[in-house]
Amino acid sequence: MLRGIDVSAYQPSSYDTDGLSFVFVKATEGRSYVNPKLAAQTKRGRDAGLVVGFYHFLWPGNLTEQAEYFVSKAPEKRGDILAVDWETTGDGSRASNSEKDRFLRKVKELRPHHKVVLYCNRHFWLNHDTTSYSGDGLWIADYVTAGKPRIKADWRFHQYTDDPLDKNVADFSSGSALREWAGA
């Protein structure tokens, strides 16, 4: 298992990279928010030689506009991974299963040479997902032993804790295997 983290504006730009192989950086949310630390957090990961991914927090509605906004703001480098964060929004709503699927497909259409993955928690995967569509891979949040999420589906990334920050593992045999999968 490879180790990684995910960061947003709530974490510092100078996060610790020791022992990490990858980082996911929050890029955007909806059609108006951009992480103010996006450039600095991206640079930190790239400077440390990590595989870098970017995620978009999905809101219901305006899927094409959200996808276009995301890819217009997320840095574009060969081997970057793109992810959609599908969960309950701040106002208690959520994108539907079909909206999640359309968003993933639109991002893939806009950036066909990048891996596009779905991030969601175990509850969403088991209770809201009806298609099992996760683009190029599933990134599952389930706060249990690292690498042992309580789902039957194949997964690529597992967020296993948020204490003191979001920690993840990736199901790849080596850093080079992850880079190869990501297209770097």
N, C-alpha and C. Protein backbone atom coordinates (compact mmCIF):
# COMPACT_ATOMS: atom_id res chain seq x y z
N MET A 1 0.83 -1.18 0.00
CA MET A 1 0.00 0.00 0.00
C MET A 1 0.88 1.25 0.00
N LEU A 2 0.48 2.19 -0.83
CA LEU A 2 1.16 3.48 -0.86
C LEU A 2 0.41 4.45 0.04
N ARG A 3 1.12 5.36 0.63
CA ARG A 3 0.51 6.34 1.55
C ARG A 3 0.35 7.69 0.86
N GLY A 4 -0.72 8.39 1.24
CA GLY A 4 -0.97 9.72 0.70
C GLY A 4 -1.92 10.48 1.59
N ILE A 5 -2.14 11.73 1.25
CA ILE A 5 -3.07 12.58 1.99
C ILE A 5 -3.92 13.36 0.99
N ASP A 6 -4.98 13.98 1.51
CA ASP A 6 -5.68 14.97 0.72
C ASP A 6 -5.78 16.24 1.54
N VAL A 7 -5.66 17.38 0.83
CA VAL A 7 -5.61 18.67 1.50
C VAL A 7 -6.57 19.65 0.83
N SER A 8 -6.96 20.65 1.61
CA SER A 8 -7.82 21.73 1.12
C SER A 8 -7.34 23.02 1.77
N ALA A 9 -8.15 24.05 1.70
CA ALA A 9 -7.77 25.33 2.30
C ALA A 9 -7.62 25.24 3.81
N TYR A 10 -8.15 24.18 4.42
CA TYR A 10 -8.04 24.00 5.87
C TYR A 10 -6.66 23.53 6.31
N GLN A 11 -5.86 23.02 5.38
CA GLN A 11 -4.51 22.54 5.71
C GLN A 11 -3.48 23.55 5.22
N PRO A 12 -2.29 23.51 5.83
CA PRO A 12 -1.25 24.44 5.38
C PRO A 12 -0.71 24.07 4.00
N SER A 13 -0.11 25.02 3.37
CA SER A 13 0.53 24.77 2.07
C SER A 13 1.83 24.00 2.24
N SER A 14 2.40 24.03 3.43
CA SER A 14 3.66 23.36 3.69
C SER A 14 3.44 22.05 4.44
N TYR A 15 2.48 21.24 3.97
CA TYR A 15 2.19 19.95 4.60
C TYR A 15 3.39 19.02 4.51
N ASP A 16 3.47 18.09 5.44
CA ASP A 16 4.56 17.13 5.51
C ASP A 16 4.40 16.09 4.39
N THR A 17 5.44 15.87 3.63
CA THR A 17 5.39 14.92 2.51
C THR A 17 6.21 13.65 2.79
N ASP A 18 6.84 13.56 3.95
CA ASP A 18 7.67 12.39 4.26
C ASP A 18 6.84 11.11 4.21
N GLY A 19 7.33 10.13 3.46
CA GLY A 19 6.68 8.83 3.37
C GLY A 19 5.47 8.78 2.47
N LEU A 20 5.17 9.88 1.78
CA LEU A 20 3.99 9.92 0.92
C LEU A 20 4.35 9.63 -0.54
N SER A 21 3.39 9.05 -1.24
CA SER A 21 3.53 8.81 -2.68
C SER A 21 2.59 9.68 -3.50
N PHE A 22 1.52 10.17 -2.86
CA PHE A 22 0.53 10.96 -3.59
C PHE A 22 -0.15 11.96 -2.67
N VAL A 23 -0.74 12.98 -3.30
CA VAL A 23 -1.57 13.96 -2.60
C VAL A 23 -2.72 14.35 -3.52
N PHE A 24 -3.90 14.48 -2.95
CA PHE A 24 -5.04 15.05 -3.65
C PHE A 24 -5.27 16.44 -3.06
N VAL A 25 -5.40 17.44 -3.92
CA VAL A 25 -5.59 18.82 -3.52
C VAL A 25 -6.98 19.27 -3.97
N LYS A 26 -7.74 19.85 -3.04
CA LYS A 26 -9.04 20.39 -3.45
C LYS A 26 -8.80 21.55 -4.39
N ALA A 27 -9.45 21.49 -5.55
CA ALA A 27 -9.30 22.56 -6.54
C ALA A 27 -10.51 23.49 -6.51
N THR A 28 -11.71 22.90 -6.64
CA THR A 28 -12.90 23.72 -6.83
C THR A 28 -14.10 23.12 -6.12
N GLU A 29 -15.16 23.94 -6.08
CA GLU A 29 -16.44 23.50 -5.54
C GLU A 29 -17.52 24.27 -6.29
N GLY A 30 -18.56 23.55 -6.70
CA GLY A 30 -19.65 24.21 -7.42
C GLY A 30 -19.15 24.90 -8.67
N ARG A 31 -19.60 26.16 -8.86
CA ARG A 31 -19.19 26.93 -10.04
C ARG A 31 -18.52 28.25 -9.69
N SER A 32 -18.10 28.40 -8.39
CA SER A 32 -17.52 29.68 -8.03
C SER A 32 -16.33 29.61 -7.07
N TYR A 33 -16.14 28.49 -6.39
CA TYR A 33 -15.08 28.42 -5.38
C TYR A 33 -13.81 27.81 -5.97
N VAL A 34 -12.68 28.46 -5.68
CA VAL A 34 -11.36 27.91 -5.98
C VAL A 34 -10.57 27.93 -4.67
N ASN A 35 -9.93 26.83 -4.34
CA ASN A 35 -9.09 26.74 -3.15
C ASN A 35 -8.01 27.82 -3.22
N PRO A 36 -7.96 28.76 -2.29
CA PRO A 36 -6.95 29.82 -2.35
C PRO A 36 -5.52 29.30 -2.19
N LYS A 37 -5.35 28.09 -1.69
CA LYS A 37 -4.02 27.51 -1.53
C LYS A 37 -3.68 26.51 -2.64
N LEU A 38 -4.51 26.46 -3.68
CA LEU A 38 -4.33 25.48 -4.75
C LEU A 38 -2.92 25.49 -5.34
N ALA A 39 -2.43 26.64 -5.74
CA ALA A 39 -1.11 26.73 -6.38
C ALA A 39 0.00 26.29 -5.43
N ALA A 40 -0.04 26.78 -4.20
CA ALA A 40 1.02 26.45 -3.23
C ALA A 40 0.97 24.98 -2.83
N GLN A 41 -0.21 24.44 -2.60
CA GLN A 41 -0.33 23.02 -2.22
C GLN A 41 0.08 22.11 -3.38
N THR A 42 -0.23 22.51 -4.60
CA THR A 42 0.19 21.75 -5.78
C THR A 42 1.71 21.76 -5.90
N LYS A 43 2.30 22.93 -5.77
CA LYS A 43 3.76 23.06 -5.86
C LYS A 43 4.45 22.19 -4.82
N ARG A 44 3.93 22.18 -3.61
CA ARG A 44 4.52 21.37 -2.54
C ARG A 44 4.55 19.89 -2.94
N GLY A 45 3.43 19.38 -3.46
CA GLY A 45 3.38 17.98 -3.88
C GLY A 45 4.31 17.69 -5.05
N ARG A 46 4.30 18.56 -6.04
CA ARG A 46 5.17 18.36 -7.21
C ARG A 46 6.64 18.42 -6.81
N ASP A 47 7.00 19.40 -5.96
CA ASP A 47 8.39 19.54 -5.53
C ASP A 47 8.87 18.30 -4.77
N ALA A 48 7.95 17.61 -4.09
CA ALA A 48 8.31 16.40 -3.35
C ALA A 48 8.27 15.15 -4.23
N GLY A 49 7.91 15.31 -5.50
CA GLY A 49 7.87 14.17 -6.43
C GLY A 49 6.65 13.29 -6.27
N LEU A 50 5.59 13.82 -5.66
CA LEU A 50 4.38 13.02 -5.46
C LEU A 50 3.51 13.01 -6.71
N VAL A 51 2.72 11.96 -6.87
CA VAL A 51 1.65 11.97 -7.86
C VAL A 51 0.60 12.92 -7.29
N VAL A 52 0.14 13.86 -8.11
CA VAL A 52 -0.80 14.88 -7.65
C VAL A 52 -2.16 14.66 -8.30
N GLY A 53 -3.17 14.73 -7.46
CA GLY A 53 -4.54 14.67 -7.93
C GLY A 53 -5.28 15.91 -7.49
N PHE A 54 -6.36 16.21 -8.17
CA PHE A 54 -7.18 17.36 -7.84
C PHE A 54 -8.62 16.90 -7.72
N TYR A 55 -9.35 17.51 -6.77
CA TYR A 55 -10.75 17.12 -6.64
C TYR A 55 -11.68 18.32 -6.64
N HIS A 56 -12.90 18.04 -7.08
CA HIS A 56 -13.98 19.02 -7.17
C HIS A 56 -15.11 18.57 -6.27
N PHE A 57 -15.56 19.44 -5.37
CA PHE A 57 -16.70 19.13 -4.51
C PHE A 57 -17.96 19.40 -5.31
N LEU A 58 -18.71 18.35 -5.58
CA LEU A 58 -19.86 18.40 -6.49
C LEU A 58 -21.13 18.88 -5.79
N TRP A 59 -21.81 19.82 -6.44
CA TRP A 59 -23.13 20.29 -6.01
C TRP A 59 -24.15 19.80 -7.03
N PRO A 60 -25.40 19.66 -6.65
CA PRO A 60 -26.41 19.25 -7.62
C PRO A 60 -26.63 20.35 -8.67
N GLY A 61 -26.96 19.93 -9.89
CA GLY A 61 -27.28 20.87 -10.97
C GLY A 61 -26.07 21.43 -11.69
N ASN A 62 -26.28 21.94 -12.88
CA ASN A 62 -25.24 22.60 -13.68
C ASN A 62 -23.99 21.74 -13.84
N LEU A 63 -24.19 20.47 -14.19
CA LEU A 63 -23.07 19.53 -14.24
C LEU A 63 -22.02 19.91 -15.28
N THR A 64 -22.46 20.28 -16.47
CA THR A 64 -21.50 20.66 -17.52
C THR A 64 -20.70 21.88 -17.09
N GLU A 65 -21.39 22.88 -16.53
CA GLU A 65 -20.71 24.09 -16.09
C GLU A 65 -19.72 23.77 -14.96
N GLN A 66 -20.11 22.90 -14.03
CA GLN A 66 -19.19 22.53 -12.94
C GLN A 66 -17.97 21.80 -13.49
N ALA A 67 -18.18 20.88 -14.43
CA ALA A 67 -17.04 20.14 -15.01
C ALA A 67 -16.10 21.09 -15.75
N GLU A 68 -16.68 22.00 -16.52
CA GLU A 68 -15.85 22.97 -17.25
C GLU A 68 -15.09 23.87 -16.29
N TYR A 69 -15.75 24.28 -15.21
CA TYR A 69 -15.10 25.12 -14.21
C TYR A 69 -13.94 24.37 -13.56
N PHE A 70 -14.18 23.14 -13.17
CA PHE A 70 -13.15 22.31 -12.54
C PHE A 70 -11.92 22.18 -13.43
N VAL A 71 -12.11 21.75 -14.67
CA VAL A 71 -10.94 21.54 -15.53
C VAL A 71 -10.27 22.86 -15.93
N SER A 72 -11.01 23.96 -15.87
CA SER A 72 -10.38 25.25 -16.18
C SER A 72 -9.50 25.73 -15.03
N LYS A 73 -9.76 25.26 -13.82
CA LYS A 73 -9.01 25.70 -12.64
C LYS A 73 -7.97 24.69 -12.16
N ALA A 74 -8.21 23.41 -12.37
CA ALA A 74 -7.26 22.38 -11.92
C ALA A 74 -6.03 22.40 -12.84
N PRO A 75 -4.84 22.46 -12.27
CA PRO A 75 -3.64 22.41 -13.10
C PRO A 75 -3.66 21.17 -13.99
N GLU A 76 -3.01 21.29 -15.13
CA GLU A 76 -3.01 20.17 -16.07
C GLU A 76 -1.58 19.76 -16.38
N LYS A 77 -1.23 18.59 -15.90
CA LYS A 77 0.09 18.02 -16.15
C LYS A 77 -0.10 16.53 -16.39
N ARG A 78 0.63 15.98 -17.29
CA ARG A 78 0.55 14.55 -17.57
C ARG A 78 0.75 13.77 -16.26
N GLY A 79 -0.15 12.83 -16.00
CA GLY A 79 -0.05 12.02 -14.80
C GLY A 79 -0.85 12.53 -13.63
N ASP A 80 -1.46 13.72 -13.76
CA ASP A 80 -2.36 14.20 -12.71
C ASP A 80 -3.63 13.37 -12.71
N ILE A 81 -4.23 13.21 -11.55
CA ILE A 81 -5.49 12.48 -11.39
C ILE A 81 -6.57 13.50 -11.06
N LEU A 82 -7.76 13.30 -11.61
CA LEU A 82 -8.89 14.18 -11.33
C LEU A 82 -9.96 13.39 -10.59
N ALA A 83 -10.57 14.02 -9.61
CA ALA A 83 -11.57 13.31 -8.80
C ALA A 83 -12.78 14.19 -8.55
N VAL A 84 -13.93 13.53 -8.41
CA VAL A 84 -15.14 14.22 -7.98
C VAL A 84 -15.43 13.77 -6.55
N ASP A 85 -15.69 14.75 -5.69
CA ASP A 85 -16.02 14.51 -4.29
C ASP A 85 -17.55 14.55 -4.19
N TRP A 86 -18.16 13.38 -4.02
CA TRP A 86 -19.62 13.23 -4.00
C TRP A 86 -20.08 12.95 -2.58
N GLU A 87 -20.67 13.95 -1.95
CA GLU A 87 -21.16 13.80 -0.59
C GLU A 87 -22.22 14.86 -0.33
N THR A 88 -22.71 14.93 0.87
CA THR A 88 -23.71 15.92 1.24
C THR A 88 -23.09 17.30 1.27
N THR A 89 -23.77 18.28 0.68
CA THR A 89 -23.27 19.64 0.62
C THR A 89 -23.55 20.38 1.93
N GLY A 90 -23.03 21.58 2.02
CA GLY A 90 -23.23 22.39 3.21
C GLY A 90 -24.69 22.73 3.50
N ASP A 91 -25.53 22.74 2.45
CA ASP A 91 -26.95 23.04 2.67
C ASP A 91 -27.79 21.76 2.81
N GLY A 92 -27.12 20.61 2.90
CA GLY A 92 -27.83 19.35 3.11
C GLY A 92 -28.31 18.65 1.86
N SER A 93 -28.02 19.22 0.69
CA SER A 93 -28.41 18.58 -0.57
C SER A 93 -27.27 17.67 -1.05
N ARG A 94 -27.51 17.00 -2.14
CA ARG A 94 -26.46 16.20 -2.77
C ARG A 94 -26.79 16.02 -4.23
N ALA A 95 -25.76 15.89 -5.03
CA ALA A 95 -25.96 15.56 -6.44
C ALA A 95 -26.54 14.15 -6.51
N SER A 96 -27.39 13.92 -7.47
CA SER A 96 -27.97 12.59 -7.64
C SER A 96 -26.94 11.63 -8.21
N ASN A 97 -27.28 10.37 -8.20
CA ASN A 97 -26.41 9.35 -8.79
C ASN A 97 -26.17 9.64 -10.27
N SER A 98 -27.22 9.98 -11.01
CA SER A 98 -27.05 10.26 -12.44
C SER A 98 -26.22 11.52 -12.67
N GLU A 99 -26.35 12.52 -11.78
CA GLU A 99 -25.52 13.72 -11.90
C GLU A 99 -24.06 13.39 -11.66
N LYS A 100 -23.79 12.56 -10.67
CA LYS A 100 -22.41 12.11 -10.40
C LYS A 100 -21.83 11.43 -11.63
N ASP A 101 -22.61 10.54 -12.23
CA ASP A 101 -22.14 9.82 -13.43
C ASP A 101 -21.89 10.78 -14.59
N ARG A 102 -22.80 11.72 -14.81
CA ARG A 102 -22.64 12.69 -15.91
C ARG A 102 -21.40 13.56 -15.68
N PHE A 103 -21.17 13.98 -14.42
CA PHE A 103 -20.01 14.80 -14.13
C PHE A 103 -18.71 14.03 -14.43
N LEU A 104 -18.61 12.80 -13.96
CA LEU A 104 -17.42 11.99 -14.22
C LEU A 104 -17.18 11.86 -15.72
N ARG A 105 -18.23 11.57 -16.47
CA ARG A 105 -18.08 11.39 -17.92
C ARG A 105 -17.68 12.70 -18.61
N LYS A 106 -18.24 13.82 -18.15
CA LYS A 106 -17.90 15.11 -18.76
C LYS A 106 -16.45 15.48 -18.47
N VAL A 107 -15.97 15.26 -17.26
CA VAL A 107 -14.57 15.54 -16.95
C VAL A 107 -13.66 14.67 -17.81
N LYS A 108 -14.01 13.40 -17.97
CA LYS A 108 -13.22 12.48 -18.81
C LYS A 108 -13.21 12.96 -20.26
N GLU A 109 -14.35 13.45 -20.72
CA GLU A 109 -14.44 13.98 -22.07
C GLU A 109 -13.54 15.22 -22.23
N LEU A 110 -13.53 16.08 -21.22
CA LEU A 110 -12.73 17.30 -21.27
C LEU A 110 -11.23 17.05 -21.09
N ARG A 111 -10.88 16.02 -20.34
CA ARG A 111 -9.47 15.67 -20.10
C ARG A 111 -9.29 14.17 -20.33
N PRO A 112 -9.37 13.74 -21.58
CA PRO A 112 -9.37 12.30 -21.89
C PRO A 112 -8.08 11.56 -21.54
N HIS A 113 -6.99 12.27 -21.36
CA HIS A 113 -5.72 11.60 -21.07
C HIS A 113 -5.41 11.53 -19.57
N HIS A 114 -6.38 11.89 -18.75
CA HIS A 114 -6.21 11.84 -17.30
C HIS A 114 -7.14 10.80 -16.70
N LYS A 115 -6.68 10.17 -15.63
CA LYS A 115 -7.55 9.27 -14.87
C LYS A 115 -8.53 10.15 -14.10
N VAL A 116 -9.79 9.72 -14.09
CA VAL A 116 -10.86 10.43 -13.39
C VAL A 116 -11.50 9.44 -12.43
N VAL A 117 -11.51 9.79 -11.14
CA VAL A 117 -11.99 8.86 -10.11
C VAL A 117 -13.12 9.49 -9.28
N LEU A 118 -13.86 8.63 -8.63
CA LEU A 118 -14.94 9.03 -7.74
C LEU A 118 -14.50 8.90 -6.30
N TYR A 119 -14.68 9.98 -5.53
CA TYR A 119 -14.49 9.94 -4.08
C TYR A 119 -15.88 9.98 -3.45
N CYS A 120 -16.14 9.05 -2.55
CA CYS A 120 -17.36 9.10 -1.73
C CYS A 120 -17.13 8.27 -0.48
N ASN A 121 -18.00 8.49 0.49
CA ASN A 121 -17.88 7.69 1.70
C ASN A 121 -18.65 6.37 1.55
N ARG A 122 -18.42 5.48 2.45
CA ARG A 122 -19.04 4.15 2.40
C ARG A 122 -20.56 4.24 2.37
N HIS A 123 -21.13 5.14 3.15
CA HIS A 123 -22.59 5.30 3.18
C HIS A 123 -23.12 5.66 1.80
N PHE A 124 -22.49 6.62 1.11
CA PHE A 124 -22.94 7.00 -0.23
C PHE A 124 -22.81 5.82 -1.18
N TRP A 125 -21.69 5.13 -1.12
CA TRP A 125 -21.45 4.01 -2.03
C TRP A 125 -22.51 2.91 -1.84
N LEU A 126 -22.84 2.62 -0.60
CA LEU A 126 -23.79 1.54 -0.32
C LEU A 126 -25.25 1.97 -0.41
N ASN A 127 -25.55 3.26 -0.18
CA ASN A 127 -26.95 3.67 -0.07
C ASN A 127 -27.44 4.67 -1.12
N HIS A 128 -26.54 5.36 -1.81
CA HIS A 128 -26.97 6.33 -2.82
C HIS A 128 -26.55 5.92 -4.23
N ASP A 129 -25.45 5.22 -4.35
CA ASP A 129 -24.98 4.80 -5.67
C ASP A 129 -25.87 3.68 -6.20
N THR A 130 -26.26 3.80 -7.45
CA THR A 130 -27.08 2.75 -8.07
C THR A 130 -26.44 2.18 -9.33
N THR A 131 -25.33 2.77 -9.78
CA THR A 131 -24.71 2.31 -11.02
C THR A 131 -23.32 1.70 -10.82
N SER A 132 -22.71 1.93 -9.68
CA SER A 132 -21.34 1.51 -9.41
C SER A 132 -20.35 2.15 -10.39
N TYR A 133 -20.76 3.24 -11.03
CA TYR A 133 -19.87 3.93 -11.95
C TYR A 133 -18.96 4.85 -11.16
N SER A 134 -17.66 4.63 -11.31
CA SER A 134 -16.67 5.44 -10.60
C SER A 134 -15.57 5.93 -11.53
N GLY A 135 -15.88 6.03 -12.82
CA GLY A 135 -14.88 6.49 -13.78
C GLY A 135 -13.76 5.48 -13.87
N ASP A 136 -12.53 5.95 -13.67
CA ASP A 136 -11.36 5.08 -13.76
C ASP A 136 -10.99 4.43 -12.44
N GLY A 137 -11.71 4.74 -11.38
CA GLY A 137 -11.39 4.12 -10.10
C GLY A 137 -12.18 4.73 -8.96
N LEU A 138 -12.30 3.97 -7.90
CA LEU A 138 -13.03 4.39 -6.71
C LEU A 138 -12.06 4.79 -5.61
N TRP A 139 -12.34 5.95 -5.02
CA TRP A 139 -11.61 6.45 -3.85
C TRP A 139 -12.65 6.47 -2.73
N ILE A 140 -12.56 5.52 -1.83
CA ILE A 140 -13.59 5.32 -0.81
C ILE A 140 -13.14 5.82 0.55
N ALA A 141 -14.03 6.51 1.24
CA ALA A 141 -13.77 6.95 2.62
C ALA A 141 -14.50 6.00 3.56
N ASP A 142 -13.74 5.35 4.41
CA ASP A 142 -14.31 4.46 5.43
C ASP A 142 -13.26 4.41 6.54
N TYR A 143 -13.60 4.95 7.71
CA TYR A 143 -12.62 5.13 8.77
C TYR A 143 -12.44 3.87 9.59
N VAL A 144 -11.67 2.98 8.98
CA VAL A 144 -11.32 1.68 9.56
C VAL A 144 -9.84 1.45 9.26
N THR A 145 -9.36 0.25 9.46
CA THR A 145 -7.97 -0.09 9.19
C THR A 145 -7.59 0.28 7.75
N ALA A 146 -6.45 0.93 7.59
CA ALA A 146 -5.97 1.34 6.27
C ALA A 146 -5.93 0.15 5.32
N GLY A 147 -6.54 0.33 4.15
CA GLY A 147 -6.54 -0.71 3.13
C GLY A 147 -7.60 -1.78 3.32
N LYS A 148 -8.52 -1.58 4.27
CA LYS A 148 -9.56 -2.57 4.54
C LYS A 148 -10.96 -1.93 4.57
N PRO A 149 -11.31 -1.16 3.52
CA PRO A 149 -12.65 -0.55 3.54
C PRO A 149 -13.72 -1.65 3.49
N ARG A 150 -14.84 -1.36 4.12
CA ARG A 150 -15.91 -2.35 4.24
C ARG A 150 -16.87 -2.27 3.06
N ILE A 151 -16.33 -2.55 1.87
CA ILE A 151 -17.12 -2.62 0.65
C ILE A 151 -16.63 -3.82 -0.15
N LYS A 152 -17.46 -4.26 -1.09
CA LYS A 152 -17.08 -5.38 -1.94
C LYS A 152 -16.48 -4.93 -3.26
N ALA A 153 -16.68 -3.67 -3.63
CA ALA A 153 -16.20 -3.13 -4.90
C ALA A 153 -14.68 -2.98 -4.89
N ASP A 154 -14.10 -3.09 -6.08
CA ASP A 154 -12.69 -2.78 -6.24
C ASP A 154 -12.49 -1.29 -5.99
N TRP A 155 -11.40 -0.93 -5.37
CA TRP A 155 -11.09 0.46 -5.10
C TRP A 155 -9.62 0.71 -5.40
N ARG A 156 -9.29 1.97 -5.66
CA ARG A 156 -7.90 2.38 -5.91
C ARG A 156 -7.30 3.13 -4.73
N PHE A 157 -8.15 3.95 -4.07
CA PHE A 157 -7.69 4.77 -2.96
C PHE A 157 -8.65 4.58 -1.79
N HIS A 158 -8.10 4.58 -0.57
CA HIS A 158 -8.92 4.43 0.63
C HIS A 158 -8.53 5.52 1.62
N GLN A 159 -9.48 6.40 1.93
CA GLN A 159 -9.29 7.39 3.00
C GLN A 159 -9.73 6.70 4.29
N TYR A 160 -8.79 6.51 5.20
CA TYR A 160 -9.08 5.70 6.38
C TYR A 160 -9.15 6.49 7.68
N THR A 161 -8.78 7.77 7.65
CA THR A 161 -8.91 8.61 8.84
C THR A 161 -8.87 10.07 8.44
N ASP A 162 -9.42 10.90 9.32
CA ASP A 162 -9.29 12.35 9.14
C ASP A 162 -8.62 12.98 10.36
N ASP A 163 -7.93 12.16 11.13
CA ASP A 163 -7.31 12.62 12.37
C ASP A 163 -5.82 12.35 12.36
N PRO A 164 -4.95 13.33 12.34
CA PRO A 164 -5.23 14.75 12.43
C PRO A 164 -5.53 15.39 11.07
N LEU A 165 -5.37 14.63 9.99
CA LEU A 165 -5.73 15.10 8.65
C LEU A 165 -6.17 13.90 7.83
N ASP A 166 -6.67 14.15 6.62
CA ASP A 166 -7.16 13.07 5.77
C ASP A 166 -6.00 12.23 5.26
N LYS A 167 -5.93 11.00 5.75
CA LYS A 167 -4.88 10.07 5.34
C LYS A 167 -5.49 8.99 4.45
N ASN A 168 -4.72 8.59 3.46
CA ASN A 168 -5.18 7.63 2.47
C ASN A 168 -4.10 6.60 2.18
N VAL A 169 -4.55 5.48 1.63
CA VAL A 169 -3.63 4.51 1.03
C VAL A 169 -4.12 4.27 -0.39
N ALA A 170 -3.21 3.81 -1.22
CA ALA A 170 -3.53 3.48 -2.61
C ALA A 170 -3.14 2.03 -2.86
N ASP A 171 -3.99 1.33 -3.59
CA ASP A 171 -3.79 -0.08 -3.87
C ASP A 171 -2.93 -0.27 -5.12
N PHE A 172 -1.65 0.04 -4.96
CA PHE A 172 -0.66 -0.14 -6.02
C PHE A 172 0.57 -0.77 -5.40
N SER A 173 1.27 -1.57 -6.16
CA SER A 173 2.43 -2.29 -5.64
C SER A 173 3.64 -1.39 -5.41
N SER A 174 3.68 -0.26 -6.12
CA SER A 174 4.83 0.63 -6.01
C SER A 174 4.47 2.01 -6.52
N GLY A 175 5.32 2.97 -6.21
CA GLY A 175 5.13 4.31 -6.72
C GLY A 175 5.17 4.34 -8.24
N SER A 176 6.04 3.52 -8.84
CA SER A 176 6.11 3.49 -10.29
C SER A 176 4.83 2.90 -10.90
N ALA A 177 4.22 1.93 -10.20
CA ALA A 177 2.95 1.36 -10.68
C ALA A 177 1.85 2.43 -10.64
N LEU A 178 1.82 3.24 -9.60
CA LEU A 178 0.85 4.33 -9.52
C LEU A 178 1.10 5.33 -10.64
N ARG A 179 2.36 5.72 -10.86
CA ARG A 179 2.68 6.67 -11.93
C ARG A 179 2.28 6.13 -13.29
N GLU A 180 2.56 4.85 -13.51
CA GLU A 180 2.19 4.24 -14.79
C GLU A 180 0.68 4.26 -14.99
N TRP A 181 -0.08 3.87 -13.93
CA TRP A 181 -1.54 3.89 -14.02
C TRP A 181 -2.04 5.30 -14.30
N ALA A 182 -1.45 6.30 -13.65
CA ALA A 182 -1.88 7.68 -13.81
C ALA A 182 -1.46 8.27 -15.16
N GLY A 183 -0.59 7.59 -15.87
CA GLY A 183 -0.17 8.06 -17.20
C GLY A 183 1.01 8.99 -17.19
N ALA A 184 1.77 8.99 -16.09
CA ALA A 184 2.93 9.88 -16.00
C ALA A 184 4.10 9.34 -16.79
